[in-house]
Every structure is written in structure tokens, then in C-alpha cells.
Amino acid sequence: MALTVESGTSFPLGATVRDGGANFCLYARGATAVELLLFDTPDSPQPNASISLDPDKNRIFHYWHIFIPGISA
């Protein structure tokens, strides 16, 4: 599944549905890599998408963030 991604914002923490998509932000002190796994349903055994966050584009201090246009809860 190919998704368009944007940098996102470092606030608020968690998953936030906004106009046009969803923002994801988490605090991960000391993390050198973060991967976001997306599932079709809560009981799906495997993710339908996996997105590796870029530390240069998707991190501010200890906060990792990404915005994915077109997805919702």
C-alpha cells in the first residue's frame, strides 16, 4: 500500500484525526528509529502498511511525528 506522507506536527501526542487525514506523534526518548504500523481493523493479524519515520523530517527533540493525508479512524 503506497501512502503519501507529510512531516506532521509534534502536538498533540497520540493519533489525531484532522481535516484531510491523521497526525501521529509519540515521545520516544533515545529512539534512533520509529516505524508506524497501520492496520485495517483492530483484530487484523498483520499491518496493511508500515512507514519508517525519517529522523531528519519526522523528529523534533524526543518527539516523532507524521501526517498521513486521506486516512481516518
PDB file of N, CA and C in Angstrom:
ATOM      1  N   MET A   1       0.843  -1.179   0.000  1.00  0.00           N
ATOM      2  CA  MET A   1       0.000   0.000   0.000  1.00  0.00           C
ATOM      3  C   MET A   1       0.885   1.238   0.000  1.00  0.00           C
ATOM      4  N   ALA A   2       0.815   2.041  -1.030  1.00  0.00           N
ATOM      5  CA  ALA A   2       1.603   3.269  -1.127  1.00  0.00           C
ATOM      6  C   ALA A   2       0.805   4.429  -0.535  1.00  0.00           C
ATOM      7  N   LEU A   3       1.393   5.099   0.448  1.00  0.00           N
ATOM      8  CA  LEU A   3       0.742   6.229   1.093  1.00  0.00           C
ATOM      9  C   LEU A   3       1.571   7.486   0.894  1.00  0.00           C
ATOM     10  N   THR A   4       0.889   8.601   0.765  1.00  0.00           N
ATOM     11  CA  THR A   4       1.557   9.895   0.777  1.00  0.00           C
ATOM     12  C   THR A   4       1.738  10.284   2.233  1.00  0.00           C
ATOM     13  N   VAL A   5       2.903  10.803   2.588  1.00  0.00           N
ATOM     14  CA  VAL A   5       3.136  11.225   3.966  1.00  0.00           C
ATOM     15  C   VAL A   5       3.698  12.640   3.979  1.00  0.00           C
ATOM     16  N   GLU A   6       3.442  13.331   5.089  1.00  0.00           N
ATOM     17  CA  GLU A   6       3.973  14.666   5.320  1.00  0.00           C
ATOM     18  C   GLU A   6       4.638  14.679   6.688  1.00  0.00           C
ATOM     19  N   SER A   7       5.364  15.728   6.996  1.00  0.00           N
ATOM     20  CA  SER A   7       6.118  15.831   8.236  1.00  0.00           C
ATOM     21  C   SER A   7       5.256  15.657   9.483  1.00  0.00           C
ATOM     22  N   GLY A   8       4.103  16.271   9.524  1.00  0.00           N
ATOM     23  CA  GLY A   8       3.263  16.199  10.711  1.00  0.00           C
ATOM     24  C   GLY A   8       3.672  17.219  11.749  1.00  0.00           C
ATOM     25  N   THR A   9       2.995  17.175  12.898  1.00  0.00           N
ATOM     26  CA  THR A   9       3.270  18.113  13.980  1.00  0.00           C
ATOM     27  C   THR A   9       3.562  17.359  15.268  1.00  0.00           C
ATOM     28  N   SER A  10       4.294  18.004  16.164  1.00  0.00           N
ATOM     29  CA  SER A  10       4.696  17.366  17.418  1.00  0.00           C
ATOM     30  C   SER A  10       3.671  17.555  18.538  1.00  0.00           C
ATOM     31  N   PHE A  11       2.510  18.071  18.223  1.00  0.00           N
ATOM     32  CA  PHE A  11       1.441  18.249  19.209  1.00  0.00           C
ATOM     33  C   PHE A  11       0.109  18.090  18.505  1.00  0.00           C
ATOM     34  N   PRO A  12      -0.836  17.424  19.097  1.00  0.00           N
ATOM     35  CA  PRO A  12      -0.808  16.720  20.372  1.00  0.00           C
ATOM     36  C   PRO A  12      -0.211  15.321  20.234  1.00  0.00           C
ATOM     37  N   LEU A  13       0.111  14.725  21.375  1.00  0.00           N
ATOM     38  CA  LEU A  13       0.604  13.351  21.376  1.00  0.00           C
ATOM     39  C   LEU A  13      -0.518  12.393  20.991  1.00  0.00           C
ATOM     40  N   GLY A  14      -0.141  11.299  20.391  1.00  0.00           N
ATOM     41  CA  GLY A  14      -1.102  10.272  20.015  1.00  0.00           C
ATOM     42  C   GLY A  14      -1.525  10.394  18.567  1.00  0.00           C
ATOM     43  N   ALA A  15      -2.626   9.732  18.247  1.00  0.00           N
ATOM     44  CA  ALA A  15      -3.192   9.782  16.895  1.00  0.00           C
ATOM     45  C   ALA A  15      -4.335  10.785  16.909  1.00  0.00           C
ATOM     46  N   THR A  16      -4.302  11.737  15.978  1.00  0.00           N
ATOM     47  CA  THR A  16      -5.314  12.781  15.913  1.00  0.00           C
ATOM     48  C   THR A  16      -5.858  12.879  14.497  1.00  0.00           C
ATOM     49  N   VAL A  17      -7.161  12.643  14.351  1.00  0.00           N
ATOM     50  CA  VAL A  17      -7.802  12.805  13.044  1.00  0.00           C
ATOM     51  C   VAL A  17      -8.082  14.291  12.857  1.00  0.00           C
ATOM     52  N   ARG A  18      -7.624  14.836  11.727  1.00  0.00           N
ATOM     53  CA  ARG A  18      -7.848  16.241  11.393  1.00  0.00           C
ATOM     54  C   ARG A  18      -8.447  16.306   9.999  1.00  0.00           C
ATOM     55  N   ASP A  19      -8.788  17.511   9.571  1.00  0.00           N
ATOM     56  CA  ASP A  19      -9.268  17.685   8.201  1.00  0.00           C
ATOM     57  C   ASP A  19      -8.232  17.145   7.229  1.00  0.00           C
ATOM     58  N   GLY A  20      -8.633  16.229   6.422  1.00  0.00           N
ATOM     59  CA  GLY A  20      -7.757  15.733   5.368  1.00  0.00           C
ATOM     60  C   GLY A  20      -6.863  14.564   5.720  1.00  0.00           C
ATOM     61  N   GLY A  21      -6.882  14.074   6.970  1.00  0.00           N
ATOM     62  CA  GLY A  21      -6.025  12.941   7.296  1.00  0.00           C
ATOM     63  C   GLY A  21      -5.839  12.750   8.793  1.00  0.00           C
ATOM     64  N   ALA A  22      -4.708  12.155   9.164  1.00  0.00           N
ATOM     65  CA  ALA A  22      -4.425  11.883  10.573  1.00  0.00           C
ATOM     66  C   ALA A  22      -2.972  12.202  10.890  1.00  0.00           C
ATOM     67  N   ASN A  23      -2.760  12.801  12.064  1.00  0.00           N
ATOM     68  CA  ASN A  23      -1.424  13.109  12.562  1.00  0.00           C
ATOM     69  C   ASN A  23      -1.094  12.108  13.667  1.00  0.00           C
ATOM     70  N   PHE A  24       0.126  11.616  13.674  1.00  0.00           N
ATOM     71  CA  PHE A  24       0.598  10.697  14.701  1.00  0.00           C
ATOM     72  C   PHE A  24       1.819  11.322  15.357  1.00  0.00           C
ATOM     73  N   CYS A  25       1.848  11.343  16.690  1.00  0.00           N
ATOM     74  CA  CYS A  25       3.002  11.877  17.417  1.00  0.00           C
ATOM     75  C   CYS A  25       3.245  11.022  18.653  1.00  0.00           C
ATOM     76  N   LEU A  26       4.516  10.711  18.905  1.00  0.00           N
ATOM     77  CA  LEU A  26       4.865   9.963  20.106  1.00  0.00           C
ATOM     78  C   LEU A  26       6.180  10.464  20.679  1.00  0.00           C
ATOM     79  N   TYR A  27       6.311  10.287  21.980  1.00  0.00           N
ATOM     80  CA  TYR A  27       7.528  10.644  22.697  1.00  0.00           C
ATOM     81  C   TYR A  27       8.359   9.378  22.820  1.00  0.00           C
ATOM     82  N   ALA A  28       9.587   9.425  22.324  1.00  0.00           N
ATOM     83  CA  ALA A  28      10.449   8.241  22.370  1.00  0.00           C
ATOM     84  C   ALA A  28      11.883   8.677  22.645  1.00  0.00           C
ATOM     85  N   ARG A  29      12.158   8.975  23.900  1.00  0.00           N
ATOM     86  CA  ARG A  29      13.488   9.419  24.289  1.00  0.00           C
ATOM     87  C   ARG A  29      14.502   8.322  23.996  1.00  0.00           C
ATOM     88  N   GLY A  30      15.562   8.691  23.301  1.00  0.00           N
ATOM     89  CA  GLY A  30      16.634   7.757  22.996  1.00  0.00           C
ATOM     90  C   GLY A  30      16.403   6.903  21.769  1.00  0.00           C
ATOM     91  N   ALA A  31      15.227   7.003  21.163  1.00  0.00           N
ATOM     92  CA  ALA A  31      14.957   6.189  19.969  1.00  0.00           C
ATOM     93  C   ALA A  31      15.779   6.697  18.788  1.00  0.00           C
ATOM     94  N   THR A  32      16.330   5.784  18.038  1.00  0.00           N
ATOM     95  CA  THR A  32      17.067   6.149  16.822  1.00  0.00           C
ATOM     96  C   THR A  32      16.256   5.846  15.570  1.00  0.00           C
ATOM     97  N   ALA A  33      15.148   5.122  15.738  1.00  0.00           N
ATOM     98  CA  ALA A  33      14.267   4.802  14.618  1.00  0.00           C
ATOM     99  C   ALA A  33      12.861   4.557  15.151  1.00  0.00           C
ATOM    100  N   VAL A  34      11.875   4.907  14.328  1.00  0.00           N
ATOM    101  CA  VAL A  34      10.471   4.667  14.668  1.00  0.00           C
ATOM    102  C   VAL A  34       9.767   4.184  13.409  1.00  0.00           C
ATOM    103  N   GLU A  35       8.906   3.193  13.571  1.00  0.00           N
ATOM    104  CA  GLU A  35       8.132   2.661  12.459  1.00  0.00           C
ATOM    105  C   GLU A  35       6.655   2.678  12.853  1.00  0.00           C
ATOM    106  N   LEU A  36       5.822   3.239  12.001  1.00  0.00           N
ATOM    107  CA  LEU A  36       4.383   3.295  12.227  1.00  0.00           C
ATOM    108  C   LEU A  36       3.727   2.156  11.462  1.00  0.00           C
ATOM    109  N   LEU A  37       2.966   1.335  12.182  1.00  0.00           N
ATOM    110  CA  LEU A  37       2.247   0.219  11.563  1.00  0.00           C
ATOM    111  C   LEU A  37       0.769   0.563  11.521  1.00  0.00           C
ATOM    112  N   LEU A  38       0.152   0.409  10.355  1.00  0.00           N
ATOM    113  CA  LEU A  38      -1.269   0.699  10.180  1.00  0.00           C
ATOM    114  C   LEU A  38      -2.021  -0.599   9.896  1.00  0.00           C
ATOM    115  N   PHE A  39      -3.145  -0.782  10.591  1.00  0.00           N
ATOM    116  CA  PHE A  39      -3.962  -1.988  10.466  1.00  0.00           C
ATOM    117  C   PHE A  39      -5.337  -1.621   9.923  1.00  0.00           C
ATOM    118  N   ASP A  40      -5.937  -2.515   9.140  1.00  0.00           N
ATOM    119  CA  ASP A  40      -7.283  -2.294   8.614  1.00  0.00           C
ATOM    120  C   ASP A  40      -8.337  -2.333   9.715  1.00  0.00           C
ATOM    121  N   THR A  41      -8.187  -3.276  10.642  1.00  0.00           N
ATOM    122  CA  THR A  41      -9.133  -3.431  11.747  1.00  0.00           C
ATOM    123  C   THR A  41      -8.348  -3.736  13.021  1.00  0.00           C
ATOM    124  N   PRO A  42      -8.969  -3.529  14.198  1.00  0.00           N
ATOM    125  CA  PRO A  42      -8.264  -3.815  15.452  1.00  0.00           C
ATOM    126  C   PRO A  42      -7.810  -5.263  15.593  1.00  0.00           C
ATOM    127  N   ASP A  43      -8.487  -6.202  14.935  1.00  0.00           N
ATOM    128  CA  ASP A  43      -8.107  -7.607  15.069  1.00  0.00           C
ATOM    129  C   ASP A  43      -7.329  -8.146  13.868  1.00  0.00           C
ATOM    130  N   SER A  44      -6.877  -7.271  12.982  1.00  0.00           N
ATOM    131  CA  SER A  44      -6.060  -7.721  11.842  1.00  0.00           C
ATOM    132  C   SER A  44      -4.760  -8.332  12.354  1.00  0.00           C
ATOM    133  N   PRO A  45      -4.387  -9.507  11.873  1.00  0.00           N
ATOM    134  CA  PRO A  45      -3.164 -10.149  12.352  1.00  0.00           C
ATOM    135  C   PRO A  45      -1.888  -9.491  11.819  1.00  0.00           C
ATOM    136  N   GLN A  46      -1.968  -8.825  10.685  1.00  0.00           N
ATOM    137  CA  GLN A  46      -0.795  -8.198  10.069  1.00  0.00           C
ATOM    138  C   GLN A  46      -1.134  -6.758   9.677  1.00  0.00           C
ATOM    139  N   PRO A  47      -0.153  -5.854   9.761  1.00  0.00           N
ATOM    140  CA  PRO A  47      -0.406  -4.481   9.302  1.00  0.00           C
ATOM    141  C   PRO A  47      -0.563  -4.449   7.784  1.00  0.00           C
ATOM    142  N   ASN A  48      -1.378  -3.513   7.302  1.00  0.00           N
ATOM    143  CA  ASN A  48      -1.501  -3.367   5.853  1.00  0.00           C
ATOM    144  C   ASN A  48      -0.530  -2.321   5.322  1.00  0.00           C
ATOM    145  N   ALA A  49       0.112  -1.574   6.234  1.00  0.00           N
ATOM    146  CA  ALA A  49       1.133  -0.603   5.827  1.00  0.00           C
ATOM    147  C   ALA A  49       2.131  -0.417   6.960  1.00  0.00           C
ATOM    148  N   SER A  50       3.372  -0.180   6.589  1.00  0.00           N
ATOM    149  CA  SER A  50       4.455   0.080   7.532  1.00  0.00           C
ATOM    150  C   SER A  50       5.226   1.289   7.014  1.00  0.00           C
ATOM    151  N   ILE A  51       5.383   2.305   7.868  1.00  0.00           N
ATOM    152  CA  ILE A  51       6.048   3.536   7.457  1.00  0.00           C
ATOM    153  C   ILE A  51       7.210   3.811   8.400  1.00  0.00           C
ATOM    154  N   SER A  52       8.416   3.876   7.861  1.00  0.00           N
ATOM    155  CA  SER A  52       9.593   4.233   8.648  1.00  0.00           C
ATOM    156  C   SER A  52       9.713   5.749   8.682  1.00  0.00           C
ATOM    157  N   LEU A  53       9.785   6.317   9.883  1.00  0.00           N
ATOM    158  CA  LEU A  53       9.901   7.759  10.014  1.00  0.00           C
ATOM    159  C   LEU A  53      11.348   8.185   9.817  1.00  0.00           C
ATOM    160  N   ASP A  54      11.529   9.303   9.155  1.00  0.00           N
ATOM    161  CA  ASP A  54      12.849   9.869   8.875  1.00  0.00           C
ATOM    162  C   ASP A  54      13.226  10.796  10.030  1.00  0.00           C
ATOM    163  N   PRO A  55      14.319  10.528  10.752  1.00  0.00           N
ATOM    164  CA  PRO A  55      14.670  11.367  11.898  1.00  0.00           C
ATOM    165  C   PRO A  55      14.939  12.825  11.527  1.00  0.00           C
ATOM    166  N   ASP A  56      15.325  13.095  10.298  1.00  0.00           N
ATOM    167  CA  ASP A  56      15.563  14.480   9.882  1.00  0.00           C
ATOM    168  C   ASP A  56      14.271  15.225   9.571  1.00  0.00           C
ATOM    169  N   LYS A  57      13.229  14.517   9.161  1.00  0.00           N
ATOM    170  CA  LYS A  57      11.968  15.157   8.777  1.00  0.00           C
ATOM    171  C   LYS A  57      10.853  14.951   9.793  1.00  0.00           C
ATOM    172  N   ASN A  58      10.916  13.858  10.541  1.00  0.00           N
ATOM    173  CA  ASN A  58       9.802  13.476  11.407  1.00  0.00           C
ATOM    174  C   ASN A  58      10.156  13.454  12.889  1.00  0.00           C
ATOM    175  N   ARG A  59      11.152  14.230  13.296  1.00  0.00           N
ATOM    176  CA  ARG A  59      11.519  14.244  14.718  1.00  0.00           C
ATOM    177  C   ARG A  59      11.891  15.648  15.143  1.00  0.00           C
ATOM    178  N   ILE A  60      11.372  16.046  16.301  1.00  0.00           N
ATOM    179  CA  ILE A  60      11.780  17.275  16.977  1.00  0.00           C
ATOM    180  C   ILE A  60      12.107  16.869  18.408  1.00  0.00           C
ATOM    181  N   PHE A  61      13.391  17.002  18.788  1.00  0.00           N
ATOM    182  CA  PHE A  61      13.879  16.585  20.101  1.00  0.00           C
ATOM    183  C   PHE A  61      13.536  15.114  20.306  1.00  0.00           C
ATOM    184  N   HIS A  62      12.712  14.748  21.279  1.00  0.00           N
ATOM    185  CA  HIS A  62      12.356  13.340  21.508  1.00  0.00           C
ATOM    186  C   HIS A  62      10.982  12.992  20.927  1.00  0.00           C
ATOM    187  N   TYR A  63      10.393  13.900  20.174  1.00  0.00           N
ATOM    188  CA  TYR A  63       9.048  13.708  19.618  1.00  0.00           C
ATOM    189  C   TYR A  63       9.120  13.330  18.146  1.00  0.00           C
ATOM    190  N   TRP A  64       8.523  12.219  17.801  1.00  0.00           N
ATOM    191  CA  TRP A  64       8.447  11.732  16.418  1.00  0.00           C
ATOM    192  C   TRP A  64       7.028  11.980  15.930  1.00  0.00           C
ATOM    193  N   HIS A  65       6.879  12.457  14.699  1.00  0.00           N
ATOM    194  CA  HIS A  65       5.562  12.845  14.200  1.00  0.00           C
ATOM    195  C   HIS A  65       5.467  12.633  12.697  1.00  0.00           C
ATOM    196  N   ILE A  66       4.247  12.381  12.223  1.00  0.00           N
ATOM    197  CA  ILE A  66       3.987  12.190  10.797  1.00  0.00           C
ATOM    198  C   ILE A  66       2.504  12.455  10.546  1.00  0.00           C
ATOM    199  N   PHE A  67       2.204  13.026   9.389  1.00  0.00           N
ATOM    200  CA  PHE A  67       0.825  13.258   8.961  1.00  0.00           C
ATOM    201  C   PHE A  67       0.574  12.433   7.715  1.00  0.00           C
ATOM    202  N   ILE A  68      -0.546  11.717   7.701  1.00  0.00           N
ATOM    203  CA  ILE A  68      -0.895  10.892   6.548  1.00  0.00           C
ATOM    204  C   ILE A  68      -2.224  11.396   5.982  1.00  0.00           C
ATOM    205  N   PRO A  69      -2.168  12.079   4.832  1.00  0.00           N
ATOM    206  CA  PRO A  69      -3.398  12.570   4.220  1.00  0.00           C
ATOM    207  C   PRO A  69      -4.299  11.414   3.773  1.00  0.00           C
ATOM    208  N   GLY A  70      -5.596  11.639   3.879  1.00  0.00           N
ATOM    209  CA  GLY A  70      -6.556  10.687   3.332  1.00  0.00           C
ATOM    210  C   GLY A  70      -6.935   9.513   4.207  1.00  0.00           C
ATOM    211  N   ILE A  71      -6.371   9.397   5.421  1.00  0.00           N
ATOM    212  CA  ILE A  71      -6.788   8.288   6.287  1.00  0.00           C
ATOM    213  C   ILE A  71      -7.632   8.834   7.429  1.00  0.00           C
ATOM    214  N   SER A  72      -8.426   7.965   8.023  1.00  0.00           N
ATOM    215  CA  SER A  72      -9.274   8.358   9.145  1.00  0.00           C
ATOM    216  C   SER A  72      -9.434   7.173  10.089  1.00  0.00           C
ATOM    217  N   ALA A  73     -10.127   7.435  11.179  1.00  0.00           N
ATOM    218  CA  ALA A  73     -10.338   6.393  12.188  1.00  0.00           C
ATOM    219  C   ALA A  73     -11.368   5.388  11.729  1.00  0.00           C
TER     220      ALA A  73
END
